[in-house]
């Protein structure tokens, strides 16, 4: 499982980033994923839910994760894009709170 989680964090880092107003990209790194036990439980629930009828409207419980980005210049506004495997994802940074989905895959955030 450790190898698979390492692959996951590499994929997340490769396709998740902030775009600065200049067009420069800052990769999101240092991912903090849920515990292995929580991930295992979510996988079990997910397997069960896959057997349910599509109209059951069931889902796994949300899991919290964090990532960091580093910049050599001050940053006040960014456009956020994350790996599609995370959709839907609820993003929270101070007062900014929003969902990213396949229909709304990016968002602009003010960082202050």
Protein backbone atom coordinates (compact mmCIF):
# COMPACT_ATOMS: atom_id res chain seq x y z
CA UNK A 1 0.00 0.00 0.00
CA UNK A 2 2.92 2.35 0.69
CA UNK A 3 4.08 2.07 -2.93
CA UNK A 4 0.59 2.84 -4.22
CA UNK A 5 0.24 5.85 -1.92
CA UNK A 6 3.63 7.10 -3.12
CA UNK A 7 2.41 6.77 -6.72
CA UNK A 8 -0.77 8.62 -5.77
CA UNK A 9 1.08 11.56 -4.20
CA UNK A 10 3.37 11.76 -7.25
CA UNK A 11 0.34 11.85 -9.57
CA UNK A 12 -1.39 14.44 -7.40
CA UNK A 13 1.73 16.63 -7.41
CA UNK A 14 2.14 16.29 -11.17
CA UNK A 15 -1.39 17.45 -11.96
CA UNK A 16 -2.25 19.81 -9.09
CA UNK A 17 -0.97 23.36 -9.10
CA UNK A 18 -1.53 27.06 -8.62
CA UNK A 19 -1.25 29.31 -11.66
CA UNK A 20 -0.02 32.81 -10.82
CA UNK A 21 -1.28 35.93 -12.65
CA UNK A 22 2.06 35.88 -14.54
CA UNK A 23 1.22 32.41 -15.91
CA UNK A 24 3.88 30.70 -13.78
CA UNK A 25 2.80 27.45 -12.13
CA UNK A 26 3.45 26.37 -8.55
CA UNK A 27 3.08 22.65 -7.98
CA UNK A 28 1.26 21.45 -4.89
CA UNK A 29 3.61 19.23 -2.90
CA UNK A 30 4.02 17.72 0.56
CA UNK A 31 0.64 16.03 0.40
CA UNK A 32 -0.79 14.96 3.74
CA UNK A 33 -3.21 12.15 3.05
CA UNK A 34 -5.60 10.51 5.52
CA UNK A 35 -4.30 7.60 7.57
CA UNK A 36 -3.89 4.23 5.85
CA UNK A 37 -6.66 2.83 8.04
CA UNK A 38 -9.09 5.55 6.94
CA UNK A 39 -8.16 4.95 3.30
CA UNK A 40 -8.70 1.19 3.70
CA UNK A 41 -12.13 1.78 5.26
CA UNK A 42 -13.09 4.16 2.44
CA UNK A 43 -12.03 1.57 -0.13
CA UNK A 44 -14.22 -1.07 1.54
CA UNK A 45 -17.22 1.28 1.58
CA UNK A 46 -16.55 2.24 -2.04
CA UNK A 47 -16.61 -1.42 -3.10
CA UNK A 48 -19.94 -1.89 -1.35
CA UNK A 49 -21.36 1.27 -2.93
CA UNK A 50 -20.37 0.08 -6.40
CA UNK A 51 -22.83 -2.81 -5.92
CA UNK A 52 -25.71 -0.45 -5.09
CA UNK A 53 -28.15 0.84 -7.70
CA UNK A 54 -27.06 4.14 -9.32
CA UNK A 55 -30.04 6.00 -7.87
CA UNK A 56 -29.06 5.13 -4.28
CA UNK A 57 -27.20 8.48 -4.02
CA UNK A 58 -24.73 7.07 -1.51
CA UNK A 59 -21.14 8.18 -1.12
CA UNK A 60 -18.10 7.63 1.05
CA UNK A 61 -17.47 10.03 3.89
CA UNK A 62 -15.29 13.02 3.02
CA UNK A 63 -11.60 12.79 3.86
CA UNK A 64 -9.30 15.70 4.61
CA UNK A 65 -6.03 16.17 2.80
CA UNK A 66 -3.55 19.00 2.61
CA UNK A 67 -0.81 20.13 0.26
CA UNK A 68 1.65 23.01 0.13
CA UNK A 69 3.00 25.26 -2.59
CA UNK A 70 6.12 27.39 -2.37
CA UNK A 71 6.88 30.61 -4.21
CA UNK A 72 9.98 32.80 -4.35
CA UNK A 73 7.78 35.87 -4.87
CA UNK A 74 4.82 37.14 -2.82
CA UNK A 75 1.51 35.65 -3.96
CA UNK A 76 -1.85 37.36 -3.55
CA UNK A 77 -4.03 35.62 -6.15
CA UNK A 78 -3.85 32.19 -7.76
CA UNK A 79 -5.88 29.93 -9.97
CA UNK A 80 -6.19 26.46 -8.43
CA UNK A 81 -6.31 23.25 -10.44
CA UNK A 82 -6.17 19.77 -8.87
CA UNK A 83 -5.87 16.22 -10.16
CA UNK A 84 -9.27 15.09 -11.53
CA UNK A 85 -9.23 12.00 -9.28
CA UNK A 86 -9.96 14.34 -6.36
CA UNK A 87 -13.29 15.55 -7.79
CA UNK A 88 -15.56 16.50 -6.24
CA UNK A 89 -13.34 18.32 -3.76
CA UNK A 90 -14.29 20.97 -1.25
CA UNK A 91 -11.55 23.60 -1.02
CA UNK A 92 -11.22 25.74 2.09
CA UNK A 93 -8.66 28.52 2.58
CA UNK A 94 -9.53 31.07 5.24
CA UNK A 95 -12.78 32.68 4.02
CA UNK A 96 -12.66 31.08 0.54
CA UNK A 97 -14.72 27.90 0.44
CA UNK A 98 -15.86 26.24 -2.79
CA UNK A 99 -16.23 22.96 -4.68
CA UNK A 100 -14.16 21.88 -7.67
CA UNK A 101 -15.87 19.35 -9.93
CA UNK A 102 -15.45 18.03 -13.49
CA UNK A 103 -17.83 20.82 -14.56
CA UNK A 104 -15.90 23.49 -12.58
CA UNK A 105 -12.30 22.19 -12.57
CA UNK A 106 -10.50 25.43 -11.60
CA UNK A 107 -11.08 28.40 -9.33
CA UNK A 108 -9.41 31.73 -8.59
CA UNK A 109 -8.45 32.35 -4.98
CA UNK A 110 -7.26 35.47 -3.23
CA UNK A 111 -4.47 34.69 -0.77
CA UNK A 112 -3.98 37.27 1.95
